[in-house]
């Protein structure tokens, strides 16, 4: 076979070009690839470091990381769920997918609806009947004993008190053991009843002519206390005032009447998350405000013309004046450090992202602020959980969906993950448990009760609802409603026929 010179030279030229391109890649492009990979690793490591820093905003207790990692690793290896196909590529420990039942199977209860646990007891309903169950699904108060039961605090739970009614003459406060701690109907001619703002105590004010001058307080165990008639109770502290020359001065005591601070302040709010706002009036009648804790220690001196806002988790918002170099400041009450400053009214600012009852530093764009003043994006926060967000990734965006009960180092931070392929992939929720520093992924849904709430400190269960992928005879999607543990496993579920 005759091979032309053109063919030989053409082949050699092509080969030379191929070799030349490889040399160029080795010299120039390979270092760039290494550099990009190094930066990617640095970004991931930074996200993990930022996540550790953010925990400082919420958690006040250190954990045994070695045993925790071992337990979480074992649990992760046992996971299985209908959500796994749509979950991110997980990395590391402390990451779970919701939907699996506990080993041995979940307890099935025939009911219409379930509501969050409240210090070891949860409300369930069927028809017009209510009942209370414990963490094993056993009945504390059986069906048909009460026609209505409501928790004493719908926002946070963790009070151990319910208000229950049955027949017209049956109206009670009961605790999480099912014990009646106060009969409202039997005492209605003597006392007016109400709950404290946090729902943890019942306050009984005598009706005119009945034991004037003091109030009766009842806790979740039925224990009774007496406080002055002009006193108010919050966060287990009662505030009171004394008058002197027409001026009121406020102080506060423990429930057993041990004095913490004698009447000193010109004004004093109720305590919230261990802190209260107090005011001092000068000789010209001008009030200036500060913060005091439950031990009577002043943690912010009275230098502010506007009352500070207590955000919880040892974070407070203070306001400047016309002569100040700031509009708002966020202050870490433990360190006294200003962690973020808003200079002008319309500048970027961090604030509670649900309402003033909850405390998580998040701004309008979803960036997060930790207790040291470090700012991170939601994307960086979720990187340690294996979530990648952006062009070409499974999720195109993520934002803070809501928060629940983020007080005193606990609570849930809930993110929504928006899939890039919204026609085929469902929206996902990522639930970050502050206390255990774990992530739980699931397509949590809202049905009657919130889509997921904080883990009850007694039962260690959280209410949640997940779609089953099935529909009823009317074409409505059926949800799996129940109570899950910290690994996303259901321990108690509503009967599938409901």
Protein backbone atom coordinates (compact mmCIF):
# COMPACT_ATOMS: atom_id res chain seq x y z
CA UNK A 1 0.00 0.00 0.00
CA UNK A 2 1.35 3.40 -0.98
CA UNK A 3 1.21 6.09 1.71
CA UNK A 4 1.49 9.67 0.48
CA UNK A 5 3.88 12.17 2.02
CA UNK A 6 0.85 14.35 2.81
CA UNK A 7 -0.69 11.57 4.87
CA UNK A 8 2.49 10.95 6.80
CA UNK A 9 3.08 14.62 7.49
CA UNK A 10 -0.59 15.12 8.37
CA UNK A 11 -0.47 12.33 10.92
CA UNK A 12 2.78 13.67 12.37
CA UNK A 13 1.32 17.16 12.63
CA UNK A 14 -1.76 15.90 14.42
CA UNK A 15 0.39 13.85 16.77
CA UNK A 16 2.61 16.81 17.45
CA UNK A 17 -0.41 18.99 18.20
CA UNK A 18 -1.72 16.38 20.63
CA UNK A 19 1.64 16.15 22.43
CA UNK A 20 1.93 19.93 22.51
CA UNK A 21 -1.54 20.27 24.06
CA UNK A 22 -0.65 17.76 26.80
CA UNK A 23 2.53 19.70 27.57
CA UNK A 24 0.54 22.96 27.82
CA UNK A 25 -1.99 21.32 30.17
CA UNK A 26 0.77 19.96 32.41
CA UNK A 27 2.59 23.28 32.57
CA UNK A 28 -0.33 25.67 32.90
CA UNK A 29 -3.68 24.02 33.50
CA UNK A 30 -2.75 21.32 36.00
CA UNK A 31 -1.57 23.84 38.63
CA UNK A 32 -4.83 25.73 38.12
CA UNK A 33 -6.82 22.55 38.70
CA UNK A 34 -4.86 21.85 41.87
CA UNK A 35 -5.39 25.44 42.96
CA UNK A 36 -9.15 25.18 42.35
CA UNK A 37 -9.38 21.92 44.27
CA UNK A 38 -7.38 23.45 47.13
CA UNK A 39 -9.74 26.42 47.24
CA UNK A 40 -12.74 24.10 47.19
CA UNK A 41 -11.33 22.17 50.14
CA UNK A 42 -10.61 25.45 51.92
CA UNK A 43 -14.20 26.59 51.32
CA UNK A 44 -15.56 23.36 52.75
CA UNK A 45 -13.23 23.59 55.75
CA UNK A 46 -14.24 27.23 56.22
CA UNK A 47 -17.91 26.22 56.16
CA UNK A 48 -17.26 23.63 58.85
CA UNK A 49 -15.34 26.16 60.95
CA UNK A 50 -18.07 28.76 60.51
CA UNK A 51 -20.69 26.22 61.57
CA UNK A 52 -18.77 25.54 64.77
CA UNK A 53 -18.61 29.27 65.42
CA UNK A 54 -22.34 29.69 64.83
CA UNK A 55 -23.15 27.09 67.46
CA UNK A 56 -21.78 29.57 69.99
CA UNK A 57 -24.84 31.70 69.45
CA UNK A 58 -27.11 28.97 70.73
CA UNK A 59 -25.34 26.30 72.72
CA UNK A 60 -23.80 26.78 76.16
CA UNK A 61 -22.71 23.21 76.82
CA UNK A 62 -19.87 21.16 75.36
CA UNK A 63 -20.47 17.56 74.28
CA UNK A 64 -18.31 14.45 74.33
CA UNK A 65 -17.50 14.56 70.61
CA UNK A 66 -15.80 11.16 70.49
CA UNK A 67 -18.74 9.15 71.81
CA UNK A 68 -21.18 11.35 69.90
CA UNK A 69 -19.42 10.70 66.60
CA UNK A 70 -19.34 6.97 67.28
CA UNK A 71 -23.05 6.81 68.06
CA UNK A 72 -24.01 9.05 65.15
CA UNK A 73 -21.85 7.04 62.75
CA UNK A 74 -23.60 3.83 63.76
CA UNK A 75 -27.00 5.45 63.38
CA UNK A 76 -26.11 6.89 59.97
CA UNK A 77 -25.16 3.44 58.66
CA UNK A 78 -28.58 2.09 59.65
CA UNK A 79 -30.64 4.76 57.91
CA UNK A 80 -33.20 4.15 55.17
CA UNK A 81 -35.96 6.46 53.98
CA UNK A 82 -38.19 7.33 51.06
CA UNK A 83 -36.45 10.72 51.04
CA UNK A 84 -32.98 9.29 50.36
CA UNK A 85 -33.34 9.62 46.60
CA UNK A 86 -33.81 13.38 46.88
CA UNK A 87 -31.48 14.06 49.79
CA UNK A 88 -28.07 15.72 49.29
CA UNK A 89 -24.83 13.76 49.14
CA UNK A 90 -24.17 13.53 52.86
CA UNK A 91 -20.72 13.95 54.36
CA UNK A 92 -19.71 13.51 57.97
CA UNK A 93 -21.62 12.41 61.03
CA UNK A 94 -24.69 13.88 62.72
CA UNK A 95 -26.71 13.79 59.47
CA UNK A 96 -30.00 11.92 59.20
CA UNK A 97 -32.89 11.42 56.81
CA UNK A 98 -36.38 11.51 58.33
CA UNK A 99 -38.97 8.82 57.72
CA UNK A 100 -37.67 5.51 59.03
CA UNK A 101 -39.31 3.88 62.06
CA UNK A 102 -37.44 2.99 65.22
CA UNK A 103 -36.06 -0.58 65.48
CA UNK A 104 -38.97 -2.90 66.23
CA UNK A 105 -41.46 -0.54 64.62
CA UNK A 106 -43.34 2.56 65.73
CA UNK A 107 -46.36 2.54 68.02
CA UNK A 108 -49.49 3.09 65.91
CA UNK A 109 -52.31 5.15 67.42
CA UNK A 110 -55.74 5.44 65.82
CA UNK A 111 -56.49 9.19 65.91
CA UNK A 112 -57.33 12.14 63.70
CA UNK A 113 -54.59 14.53 64.76
CA UNK A 114 -51.54 14.76 66.98
CA UNK A 115 -49.96 17.77 68.63
CA UNK A 116 -46.44 18.44 69.99
CA UNK A 117 -45.20 16.95 73.26
CA UNK A 118 -45.24 19.15 76.35
CA UNK A 119 -42.82 17.84 79.02
CA UNK A 120 -43.63 14.20 78.37
CA UNK A 121 -47.32 14.44 77.39
CA UNK A 122 -48.93 15.04 74.00
CA UNK A 123 -52.50 15.84 72.92
CA UNK A 124 -54.24 13.60 70.37
CA UNK A 125 -57.77 13.96 69.04
CA UNK A 126 -60.43 11.76 67.46
CA UNK A 127 -63.78 13.22 66.49
CA UNK A 128 -64.73 15.54 69.36
CA UNK A 129 -62.72 13.66 71.96
CA UNK A 130 -59.27 14.49 73.29
CA UNK A 131 -56.66 12.38 75.07
CA UNK A 132 -53.13 12.67 76.48
CA UNK A 133 -50.40 10.12 75.72
CA UNK A 134 -46.86 9.60 77.01
CA UNK A 135 -43.64 9.03 75.06
CA UNK A 136 -44.40 5.28 74.70
CA UNK A 137 -47.86 5.97 73.28
CA UNK A 138 -49.64 4.93 76.49
CA UNK A 139 -52.69 6.91 77.57
CA UNK A 140 -52.27 9.40 80.41
CA UNK A 141 -55.83 10.71 80.01
CA UNK A 142 -58.11 8.35 78.04
CA UNK A 143 -60.58 9.12 75.28
CA UNK A 144 -63.85 10.84 76.27
CA UNK A 145 -62.56 12.10 79.62
CA UNK A 146 -62.16 15.59 78.15
CA UNK A 147 -63.82 17.32 75.21
CA UNK A 148 -61.04 19.88 74.89
CA UNK A 149 -57.38 20.09 75.92
CA UNK A 150 -54.99 22.92 75.07
CA UNK A 151 -51.38 23.49 76.15
CA UNK A 152 -50.64 26.48 78.36
CA UNK A 153 -48.15 27.90 75.84
CA UNK A 154 -48.77 27.26 72.14
CA UNK A 155 -45.46 28.79 71.02
CA UNK A 156 -42.81 27.04 73.05
CA UNK A 157 -44.45 24.18 74.98
CA UNK A 158 -42.17 22.95 77.77
CA UNK A 159 -44.59 24.06 80.50
CA UNK A 160 -46.05 20.75 81.71
CA UNK A 161 -49.49 22.39 82.06
CA UNK A 162 -52.68 21.89 80.03
CA UNK A 163 -56.13 23.42 80.29
CA UNK A 164 -58.79 20.70 80.01
CA UNK A 165 -62.58 20.76 79.98
CA UNK A 166 -65.34 18.16 79.86
CA UNK A 167 -68.89 18.66 81.05
CA UNK A 168 -70.09 22.26 81.69
CA UNK A 169 -68.98 21.98 85.32
CA UNK A 170 -65.59 20.45 84.48
CA UNK A 171 -62.83 22.94 83.79
CA UNK A 172 -59.34 22.15 85.04
CA UNK A 173 -55.63 22.76 84.81
CA UNK A 174 -53.88 19.39 84.53
CA UNK A 175 -50.18 18.56 84.33
CA UNK A 176 -48.25 16.24 82.03
CA UNK A 177 -48.90 13.32 84.41
CA UNK A 178 -52.64 13.81 83.99
CA UNK A 179 -53.04 15.12 87.55
CA UNK A 180 -55.60 17.89 88.15
CA UNK A 181 -53.63 20.71 89.78
CA UNK A 182 -56.44 23.28 89.91
CA UNK A 183 -60.24 23.08 89.59
CA UNK A 184 -61.32 26.28 87.87
CA UNK A 185 -65.08 25.76 88.18
CA UNK A 186 -64.97 24.90 91.88
CA UNK A 187 -63.04 28.07 92.73
CA UNK A 188 -64.51 30.53 90.25
CA UNK A 189 -66.31 32.49 92.97
CA UNK A 190 -63.06 33.07 94.88
CA UNK A 191 -60.32 33.56 92.27
CA UNK A 192 -59.77 34.78 88.76
CA UNK A 193 -57.25 32.53 87.03
CA UNK A 194 -54.70 33.25 84.34
CA UNK A 195 -51.41 31.86 83.11
CA UNK A 196 -48.06 33.63 83.18
CA UNK A 197 -46.72 34.78 79.80
CA UNK A 198 -44.48 31.72 79.55
CA UNK A 199 -47.34 29.39 80.55
CA UNK A 200 -45.36 27.79 83.37
CA UNK A 201 -47.45 29.03 86.31
CA UNK A 202 -51.09 29.63 87.16
CA UNK A 203 -51.77 32.96 88.86
CA UNK A 204 -54.90 33.26 90.98
CA UNK A 205 -56.05 36.77 91.83
CA UNK A 206 -58.60 36.99 94.66
CA UNK A 207 -62.00 38.36 93.71
CA UNK A 208 -62.87 41.59 95.58
CA UNK A 209 -63.34 40.96 99.29
CA UNK A 210 -61.43 37.63 99.21
CA UNK A 211 -57.95 37.58 100.82
CA UNK A 212 -56.83 41.01 99.55
CA UNK A 213 -53.19 41.93 99.19
CA UNK A 214 -51.70 38.76 97.73
CA UNK A 215 -51.91 36.37 94.78
CA UNK A 216 -51.72 32.61 94.76
CA UNK A 217 -49.29 30.93 92.35
CA UNK A 218 -49.41 27.23 91.34
CA UNK A 219 -46.65 25.41 89.48
CA UNK A 220 -46.91 22.32 87.24
CA UNK A 221 -46.61 19.98 90.23
CA UNK A 222 -49.43 21.67 92.11
CA UNK A 223 -47.11 23.42 94.56
CA UNK A 224 -48.51 26.75 95.82
CA UNK A 225 -46.75 30.05 96.46
CA UNK A 226 -47.95 33.44 97.69
CA UNK A 227 -46.76 36.69 96.12
CA UNK A 228 -47.80 40.32 96.82
CA UNK A 229 -50.94 41.56 95.12
CA UNK A 230 -48.96 44.18 93.19
CA UNK A 231 -46.43 41.58 92.02
CA UNK A 232 -46.12 39.95 88.60
CA UNK A 233 -44.44 36.67 87.72
CA UNK A 234 -42.28 35.61 84.79
CA UNK A 235 -39.35 33.27 84.30
CA UNK A 236 -39.79 32.04 87.93
CA UNK A 237 -39.13 35.56 89.27
CA UNK A 238 -41.75 37.92 90.62
CA UNK A 239 -41.37 41.67 90.33
CA UNK A 240 -42.99 44.16 92.68
CA UNK A 241 -42.90 47.84 93.56
CA UNK A 242 -43.00 50.13 96.57
CA UNK A 243 -44.09 53.76 96.57
CA UNK A 244 -42.05 56.59 98.08
CA UNK A 245 -43.09 60.25 97.83
CA UNK A 246 -45.40 59.46 94.95
CA UNK A 247 -42.74 57.55 92.99
CA UNK A 248 -42.68 53.81 92.36
CA UNK A 249 -39.50 51.78 92.80
CA UNK A 250 -39.24 48.23 91.53
CA UNK A 251 -37.39 45.16 92.78
CA UNK A 252 -37.72 41.39 92.44
CA UNK A 253 -37.72 38.21 94.53
CA UNK A 254 -37.61 34.47 94.16
CA UNK A 255 -40.87 32.54 94.47
CA UNK A 256 -40.03 31.61 98.06
CA UNK A 257 -39.92 35.36 98.83
CA UNK A 258 -36.12 35.48 99.06
CA UNK A 259 -35.14 39.04 98.11
CA UNK A 260 -32.84 39.36 95.11
CA UNK A 261 -33.00 43.12 94.63
CA UNK A 262 -34.77 45.62 96.87
CA UNK A 263 -36.96 48.25 95.17
CA UNK A 264 -34.44 50.33 93.25
CA UNK A 265 -35.47 50.83 89.62
CA UNK A 266 -37.90 53.42 88.29
CA UNK A 267 -39.36 50.79 85.92
CA UNK A 268 -38.90 47.06 85.40
CA UNK A 269 -40.28 44.63 82.79
CA UNK A 270 -40.98 40.94 83.25
CA UNK A 271 -37.99 38.61 82.89
CA UNK A 272 -37.43 36.82 79.62
CA UNK A 273 -34.69 34.24 79.04
CA UNK A 274 -33.13 35.27 82.35
CA UNK A 275 -32.98 39.03 81.63
CA UNK A 276 -35.25 42.06 82.24
CA UNK A 277 -35.20 45.68 81.06
CA UNK A 278 -35.03 48.28 83.82
CA UNK A 279 -35.27 52.06 83.72
CA UNK A 280 -33.86 54.84 85.91
CA UNK A 281 -35.43 58.31 85.94
CA UNK A 282 -33.25 61.35 86.42
CA UNK A 283 -34.15 64.63 88.14
CA UNK A 284 -35.68 65.95 84.92
CA UNK A 285 -37.97 62.93 84.49
CA UNK A 286 -35.89 61.45 81.65
CA UNK A 287 -35.73 57.63 81.62
CA UNK A 288 -32.60 55.73 80.65
CA UNK A 289 -32.66 51.97 80.26
CA UNK A 290 -30.39 49.00 80.90
CA UNK A 291 -30.54 45.23 81.48
CA UNK A 292 -30.41 43.19 84.70
CA UNK A 293 -30.21 39.41 85.14
CA UNK A 294 -32.06 37.12 87.58
CA UNK A 295 -29.22 37.34 90.11
CA UNK A 296 -29.60 41.11 90.34
CA UNK A 297 -26.44 41.85 88.36
CA UNK A 298 -26.62 44.80 85.96
CA UNK A 299 -25.33 43.54 82.64
CA UNK A 300 -26.03 46.71 80.62
CA UNK A 301 -25.92 50.02 82.54
CA UNK A 302 -28.83 52.46 82.13
CA UNK A 303 -27.40 54.59 79.34
CA UNK A 304 -29.97 54.03 76.57
CA UNK A 305 -32.85 56.40 75.83
CA UNK A 306 -34.82 53.59 74.16
CA UNK A 307 -35.45 50.32 75.96
CA UNK A 308 -33.26 47.44 74.68
CA UNK A 309 -34.88 44.40 73.08
CA UNK A 310 -34.07 41.00 74.61
CA UNK A 311 -33.58 38.52 71.76
CA UNK A 312 -32.70 35.50 73.88
CA UNK A 313 -29.52 33.41 73.82
CA UNK A 314 -27.69 36.25 75.58
CA UNK A 315 -28.16 38.59 72.62
CA UNK A 316 -29.82 42.02 72.95
CA UNK A 317 -30.58 44.86 70.56
CA UNK A 318 -29.85 48.43 71.66
CA UNK A 319 -30.66 51.68 69.89
CA UNK A 320 -28.52 54.73 69.35
CA UNK A 321 -29.42 58.42 69.46
CA UNK A 322 -28.97 61.26 66.98
CA UNK A 323 -25.45 61.79 68.29
CA UNK A 324 -24.47 58.09 68.19
CA UNK A 325 -22.37 56.52 65.46
CA UNK A 326 -24.92 53.70 65.08
CA UNK A 327 -28.65 53.12 64.58
CA UNK A 328 -28.78 49.67 66.19
CA UNK A 329 -26.25 47.38 67.85
CA UNK A 330 -26.42 43.69 68.69
CA UNK A 331 -24.61 42.97 71.95
CA UNK A 332 -23.44 39.62 73.33
CA UNK A 333 -24.52 39.88 76.97
CA UNK A 334 -21.97 37.29 78.12
CA UNK A 335 -18.93 39.06 76.72
CA UNK A 336 -20.34 42.59 76.45
CA UNK A 337 -19.04 42.69 72.88
CA UNK A 338 -20.87 44.48 70.07
CA UNK A 339 -21.22 41.78 67.44
CA UNK A 340 -22.98 43.81 64.75
CA UNK A 341 -23.66 47.49 64.14
CA UNK A 342 -26.26 49.05 61.86
CA UNK A 343 -25.13 52.57 61.03
CA UNK A 344 -28.21 53.89 59.20
CA UNK A 345 -31.89 52.98 59.45
CA UNK A 346 -32.00 51.27 56.04
CA UNK A 347 -28.65 49.51 56.30
CA UNK A 348 -28.25 45.74 56.44
CA UNK A 349 -29.29 44.44 59.84
CA UNK A 350 -29.70 41.15 61.65
CA UNK A 351 -32.83 40.41 63.63
CA UNK A 352 -35.00 37.48 64.78
CA UNK A 353 -36.26 35.83 61.60
CA UNK A 354 -39.64 34.63 62.89
CA UNK A 355 -40.87 36.98 65.62
CA UNK A 356 -39.64 38.61 68.78
CA UNK A 357 -40.29 35.45 70.80
CA UNK A 358 -37.60 33.55 68.91
CA UNK A 359 -33.97 34.44 68.72
CA UNK A 360 -31.76 33.71 65.76
CA UNK A 361 -29.58 36.28 64.08
CA UNK A 362 -30.54 36.34 60.39
CA UNK A 363 -30.89 39.20 57.96
CA UNK A 364 -33.11 39.82 54.96
CA UNK A 365 -30.81 37.88 52.63
CA UNK A 366 -30.62 34.87 54.94
CA UNK A 367 -27.05 35.44 56.10
CA UNK A 368 -26.39 34.26 59.65
CA UNK A 369 -24.51 35.96 62.46
CA UNK A 370 -22.75 34.08 65.25
CA UNK A 371 -22.12 35.24 68.81
CA UNK A 372 -18.63 36.46 67.93
CA UNK A 373 -19.84 38.68 65.08
CA UNK A 374 -18.87 36.39 62.21
CA UNK A 375 -21.21 36.43 59.20
CA UNK A 376 -21.84 33.43 56.97
CA UNK A 377 -24.24 32.58 54.18
CA UNK A 378 -26.85 29.84 54.40
CA UNK A 379 -24.87 28.02 51.73
CA UNK A 380 -21.74 27.99 53.92
CA UNK A 381 -23.75 26.91 56.94
CA UNK A 382 -25.12 23.87 55.07
CA UNK A 383 -21.81 22.76 53.50
CA UNK A 384 -20.81 20.52 56.43
CA UNK A 385 -24.07 18.61 55.85
CA UNK A 386 -23.06 17.88 52.25
CA UNK A 387 -25.44 20.41 50.71
CA UNK A 388 -24.08 22.18 47.63
CA UNK A 389 -26.04 25.13 46.30
CA UNK A 390 -25.68 26.93 42.98
CA UNK A 391 -25.53 26.47 39.24
CA UNK A 392 -25.18 22.82 38.28
CA UNK A 393 -25.93 21.62 41.82
CA UNK A 394 -28.96 19.69 43.02
CA UNK A 395 -30.27 22.78 44.83
CA UNK A 396 -30.38 26.20 43.24
CA UNK A 397 -31.06 28.10 46.49
CA UNK A 398 -31.70 27.77 50.22
CA UNK A 399 -33.13 30.12 52.81
CA UNK A 400 -34.12 30.22 56.47
CA UNK A 401 -37.70 28.89 56.55
CA UNK A 402 -38.41 29.37 60.24
CA UNK A 403 -37.04 28.90 63.71
CA UNK A 404 -38.60 27.24 66.71
CA UNK A 405 -37.97 27.99 70.37
CA UNK A 406 -34.34 29.02 70.04
CA UNK A 407 -33.82 29.83 73.69
CA UNK A 408 -31.22 28.85 76.27
CA UNK A 409 -29.08 26.78 73.93
CA UNK A 410 -31.79 24.69 72.27
CA UNK A 411 -34.32 24.82 69.46
CA UNK A 412 -34.49 24.20 65.73
CA UNK A 413 -33.24 26.21 62.78
CA UNK A 414 -35.18 25.16 59.67
CA UNK A 415 -34.01 25.74 56.09
CA UNK A 416 -35.86 25.29 52.82
CA UNK A 417 -33.88 23.80 49.93
CA UNK A 418 -35.12 24.72 46.44
CA UNK A 419 -34.28 22.02 43.83
CA UNK A 420 -32.75 22.97 40.51
CA UNK A 421 -35.14 20.56 38.78
CA UNK A 422 -38.42 21.65 40.32
CA UNK A 423 -40.46 19.45 38.00
CA UNK A 424 -38.96 16.19 39.27
CA UNK A 425 -37.39 16.88 42.65
CA UNK A 426 -39.39 17.97 45.72
CA UNK A 427 -38.56 20.90 47.94
CA UNK A 428 -36.67 19.69 50.99
CA UNK A 429 -36.37 20.95 54.55
CA UNK A 430 -33.13 20.80 56.49
CA UNK A 431 -33.67 20.91 60.24
CA UNK A 432 -30.67 21.84 62.37
CA UNK A 433 -31.03 20.77 66.01
CA UNK A 434 -29.09 23.35 68.02
CA UNK A 435 -28.61 21.26 71.16
CA UNK A 436 -27.34 18.08 69.49
CA UNK A 437 -25.71 19.84 66.49
CA UNK A 438 -27.40 17.42 64.08
CA UNK A 439 -29.02 17.83 60.67
CA UNK A 440 -32.27 16.06 59.71
CA UNK A 441 -33.48 16.14 56.11
CA UNK A 442 -37.07 15.54 55.04
CA UNK A 443 -39.97 16.90 53.02
CA UNK A 444 -41.66 18.09 56.22
CA UNK A 445 -45.21 19.32 55.74
CA UNK A 446 -47.54 21.49 57.79
CA UNK A 447 -50.80 19.81 58.76
CA UNK A 448 -52.86 21.41 61.58
CA UNK A 449 -49.76 21.68 63.79
CA UNK A 450 -46.37 23.20 62.79
CA UNK A 451 -44.37 21.12 60.33
CA UNK A 452 -41.81 20.28 63.02
CA UNK A 453 -41.17 21.57 66.53
CA UNK A 454 -38.36 21.49 69.06
CA UNK A 455 -37.51 18.17 70.71
CA UNK A 456 -39.36 17.84 74.01
CA UNK A 457 -36.81 17.68 76.88
CA UNK A 458 -38.70 14.86 78.65
CA UNK A 459 -39.87 12.57 75.81
CA UNK A 460 -37.00 13.63 73.49
CA UNK A 461 -39.49 13.44 70.63
CA UNK A 462 -40.50 16.03 68.06
CA UNK A 463 -43.80 16.28 66.23
CA UNK A 464 -43.47 16.09 62.44
CA UNK A 465 -45.42 15.28 59.31
CA UNK A 466 -44.06 13.79 56.08
CA UNK A 467 -45.78 12.97 52.76
CA UNK A 468 -46.20 9.24 52.07
CA UNK A 469 -46.49 9.53 48.30
CA UNK A 470 -50.00 8.06 48.51
CA UNK A 471 -53.40 9.71 48.01
CA UNK A 472 -56.80 9.07 49.53
CA UNK A 473 -60.05 8.48 47.63
CA UNK A 474 -60.45 12.24 47.14
CA UNK A 475 -56.99 12.63 45.61
CA UNK A 476 -55.55 14.33 48.68
CA UNK A 477 -51.99 13.42 49.58
CA UNK A 478 -51.72 11.29 52.73
CA UNK A 479 -49.20 12.44 55.32
CA UNK A 480 -47.37 10.34 57.87
CA UNK A 481 -47.92 12.23 61.10
CA UNK A 482 -46.14 11.27 64.28
CA UNK A 483 -43.33 11.80 66.74
CA UNK A 484 -39.73 11.25 65.75
CA UNK A 485 -36.50 11.02 67.71
CA UNK A 486 -33.25 12.90 67.15
CA UNK A 487 -32.24 10.52 64.36
CA UNK A 488 -35.36 11.25 62.33
CA UNK A 489 -36.95 7.89 63.26
CA UNK A 490 -40.66 7.73 64.04
CA UNK A 491 -41.42 6.30 67.50
CA UNK A 492 -45.18 6.91 67.39
CA UNK A 493 -47.30 7.35 64.24
CA UNK A 494 -50.89 8.07 63.40
CA UNK A 495 -52.79 5.09 61.89
CA UNK A 496 -52.39 5.00 58.12
CA UNK A 497 -56.15 4.81 57.63
CA UNK A 498 -56.55 8.37 58.85
